[in-house]
Amino acid sequence: MHSLTLHAHVGRDGILKLETPIGMTDADLEIIIIVHPVDEPRPALKWPTTLFTEIIGGWEGKPLIREPQ
């Protein structure tokens, strides 16, 4: 599976036209399109305020050993 990010413009007719080479020929494909207007701000991803206080020192199993790389 390949993921492509394209930037396009919808004309006055309201039709989005996409043409992009994908390197495949004579193949059946399933295409998934997600439309996200760029004028709308994307929600900011925030870390939970208790993330580090809950995780640091939270391991209670056998001591972790980092093997030589």
Protein backbone atom coordinates (compact mmCIF):
# COMPACT_ATOMS: atom_id res chain seq x y z
CA MET A 1 0.00 0.00 0.00
CA HIS A 2 1.24 3.46 -0.85
CA SER A 3 0.23 6.75 0.72
CA LEU A 4 0.23 9.97 -1.31
CA THR A 5 -0.30 13.50 -0.10
CA LEU A 6 -1.54 15.84 -2.80
CA HIS A 7 -2.46 19.51 -2.73
CA ALA A 8 -5.21 20.43 -5.16
CA HIS A 9 -7.68 23.19 -5.93
CA VAL A 10 -11.41 22.75 -6.52
CA GLY A 11 -12.65 24.92 -9.36
CA ARG A 12 -15.89 26.91 -9.53
CA ASP A 13 -17.68 23.83 -10.83
CA GLY A 14 -17.09 22.10 -7.47
CA ILE A 15 -15.30 19.16 -9.09
CA LEU A 16 -11.95 17.98 -7.78
CA LYS A 17 -9.76 16.63 -10.57
CA LEU A 18 -6.79 14.47 -9.65
CA GLU A 19 -4.17 13.16 -12.04
CA THR A 20 -1.02 11.62 -10.63
CA PRO A 21 1.34 8.91 -11.85
CA ILE A 22 1.54 6.07 -9.34
CA GLY A 23 3.90 3.71 -11.14
CA MET A 24 1.33 0.95 -11.71
CA THR A 25 -0.34 -0.13 -14.91
CA ASP A 26 -3.19 -2.47 -15.74
CA ALA A 27 -4.14 -2.97 -12.06
CA ASP A 28 -7.31 -2.88 -10.00
CA LEU A 29 -6.97 -0.44 -7.10
CA GLU A 30 -8.96 0.66 -4.08
CA ILE A 31 -8.67 4.42 -3.66
CA ILE A 32 -9.39 6.12 -0.32
CA ILE A 33 -9.82 9.88 -0.35
CA ILE A 34 -9.90 12.07 2.75
CA VAL A 35 -10.88 15.68 2.13
CA HIS A 36 -9.52 18.20 4.61
CA PRO A 37 -9.90 21.90 3.76
CA VAL A 38 -6.68 23.79 4.46
CA ASP A 39 -8.57 26.86 5.70
CA GLU A 40 -9.64 24.97 8.82
CA PRO A 41 -6.94 24.62 11.46
CA ARG A 42 -6.09 21.07 12.42
CA PRO A 43 -6.58 20.27 16.09
CA ALA A 44 -3.36 20.58 18.06
CA LEU A 45 -2.01 17.36 19.46
CA LYS A 46 -1.29 17.83 23.15
CA TRP A 47 0.45 15.52 25.57
CA PRO A 48 -1.56 14.63 28.66
CA THR A 49 -0.37 16.74 31.60
CA THR A 50 0.32 13.61 33.69
CA LEU A 51 2.19 11.72 30.95
CA PHE A 52 5.68 11.88 32.45
CA THR A 53 4.67 11.66 36.09
CA GLU A 54 2.76 8.45 35.37
CA ILE A 55 5.39 6.86 33.13
CA ILE A 56 8.74 7.74 34.74
CA GLY A 57 9.57 5.07 37.28
CA GLY A 58 6.51 3.08 36.28
CA TRP A 59 8.34 -0.07 35.11
CA GLU A 60 8.10 -2.75 37.78
CA GLY A 61 9.34 -5.79 35.85
CA LYS A 62 12.86 -7.18 35.38
CA PRO A 63 15.55 -4.51 34.90
CA LEU A 64 15.84 -3.48 31.27
CA ILE A 65 19.24 -4.16 29.69
CA ARG A 66 20.32 -2.35 26.54
CA GLU A 67 22.24 -4.75 24.35
CA PRO A 68 25.33 -3.47 22.45
CA GLN A 69 24.37 -2.01 19.09
